[in-house]
Amino acid sequence: MDLDFVPGPVFANPVRTRADVDALVVPEDMATAVSYVPEIIKRLRCL
């Protein structure tokens, strides 16, 4: 999904229909696909 900030978040092709949802790709291994998320959460908890 392409995301731009003009001035706020704007998706090039927003998800609006059931077909759009069905077309989304969910990675098989989320821990690998978004491995940075646990680290970010850990850092935020320390604030």
Protein backbone atom coordinates (compact mmCIF):
# COMPACT_ATOMS: atom_id res chain seq x y z
CA MET A 1 0.00 0.00 0.00
CA ASP A 2 1.44 3.32 -1.06
CA LEU A 3 1.21 5.97 1.64
CA ASP A 4 1.89 9.67 1.27
CA PHE A 5 1.57 12.61 3.66
CA VAL A 6 -0.09 15.60 1.95
CA PRO A 7 -0.66 17.07 4.59
CA GLY A 8 -2.01 13.99 6.39
CA PRO A 9 -1.86 10.28 5.61
CA VAL A 10 -3.26 9.52 2.14
CA PHE A 11 -3.33 6.04 0.61
CA ALA A 12 -2.95 5.87 -3.17
CA ASN A 13 -5.48 3.02 -3.34
CA PRO A 14 -7.61 3.05 -0.16
CA VAL A 15 -9.30 -0.14 1.02
CA ARG A 16 -13.00 0.44 0.39
CA THR A 17 -14.58 -2.82 -0.71
CA ARG A 18 -14.60 -6.45 0.28
CA ALA A 19 -12.55 -7.17 -2.86
CA ASP A 20 -9.92 -4.67 -1.65
CA VAL A 21 -9.73 -6.49 1.69
CA ASP A 22 -9.46 -9.86 -0.03
CA ALA A 23 -6.60 -8.52 -2.16
CA LEU A 24 -4.49 -7.60 0.88
CA VAL A 25 -1.46 -9.81 1.42
CA VAL A 26 -0.83 -11.13 4.91
CA PRO A 27 2.74 -12.41 5.40
CA GLU A 28 3.07 -16.05 6.46
CA ASP A 29 5.53 -15.17 9.24
CA MET A 30 4.50 -11.91 10.87
CA ALA A 31 7.42 -12.04 13.32
CA THR A 32 9.84 -11.86 10.40
CA ALA A 33 7.78 -9.45 8.28
CA VAL A 34 7.48 -6.85 11.05
CA SER A 35 10.40 -7.76 13.27
CA TYR A 36 10.86 -4.09 14.22
CA VAL A 37 7.48 -3.86 16.02
CA PRO A 38 8.44 -5.66 19.27
CA GLU A 39 11.55 -3.46 19.55
CA ILE A 40 9.49 -0.29 19.09
CA ILE A 41 6.97 -1.43 21.72
CA LYS A 42 9.80 -2.23 24.12
CA ARG A 43 11.28 1.24 23.64
CA LEU A 44 7.93 2.96 24.10
CA ARG A 45 7.30 1.12 27.36
CA CYS A 46 10.58 2.51 28.71
CA LEU A 47 9.43 6.12 28.22
